[in-house]
Structure formats: structure tokens, C-alpha cells
Amino acid sequence: MKSSNWLRPIQFVLLVGCLTFGLSLSASGQTTVTSTFTVSATVQATCTINPGNLSFGNISTVAASSSSTVAVQCTNGTAYNVGLNAGTATGASVTSRKMSGPGGALLNYGLFTDSGHTANWGNTTGTDTVAGTGNGNTQSLTVYGLVSAGQFVAPGNYSDTITASIMY
């Protein structure tokens, strides 16, 4: 079948018009328009703390030592300080902790940042806390405990409750 000659000039004009004005015709006749949008988030510094119990076990009048860990997890790059309070016994301080026992008896002990029991672990930032920087993973800090020798207290169970705090 032969096309009419009068259609060819119209087709030519349409083709030149499309090329001149930068119009594109897709097979489906659709036009695409694009734009952009922003995606954002603000990461807040955060930390968690999970102290483990410390038990001296059965002791006598000789010195007893033990240790436990404090698990800390902070967002990457977050500076923190971990402190341990004085505990709950009457007259206790961060440098002279006490466990309460039978009949109000007290057993002295200390908590330290080193295995040599020379650096007290207290609760004053910049003085006797443990500083670190979070990396997003759990970091374990060791608490070293010592019951000094020569304490003659009543037999029985002694205990104290320490609050571990993380400041960031």
C-alpha cells in the first residue's frame, strides 16, 4: 500500500518541530519530570551501663580480693565517665565503703580501678571515676574489690548496694 504524498510534508514538519524544541516522544507518549528531596537524621549521644555483682565469697580475718565488670555501651565518639557511689551502709564514703552485717556490724572494703588496689573508684568526675570514649560496642571496665585484713567482726552475711553511674 502506498502512502499519500500529502502526508509526507506533515510528518517532516512534526519531526523538525520535535528536534527544534527538544521534545521527545517515547513509545508510550509519556514525559518524565524529576526532582530531589533530602533525607536526614540526628544521632543522639547515648550510653547504657550494666554492672556485675562482686562477691568476696567466704572470708576470715585475712585480706580478700575479688573483681567484677561494669559493661558500658556508648555511641561512637561519646566521651563518658563511670562512677561508683559510697553504698548504703551507715557512715560509708567512696574511700571507706562498708558492708552491713548481723546486729549492725560493719565490714570495711574498698573498690578500685586497678588490681594493685591503689586507685580508689569513686564518683567525682575528673578525680576518681573511670573515663572512656564509646565506640558503639560494649566495653568492659573491671572493678577490683578488697576487704582488708585484721577485721574482727561477727560471723554472718554482709552486703552493700553500690550504684554505678555513667555521665556523658
Foldseek 3Di string as FASTA:
>chain_A
DDDDPVVVVVVVVVVVVCVVVVHDADPVRDDDDDDDDDDDDDDDKDKDKDWDDWDQPDDDQAKTKTKTKIKMAIAAFAKKWKAKAQWDQPPTGQAWHWWAWPPRDTFTKFKAQDQVPPQGGHHDPPHRTDIDGHGRDIDIGMIMMMGHGDDDIDDGDTGTDMDMDMDD
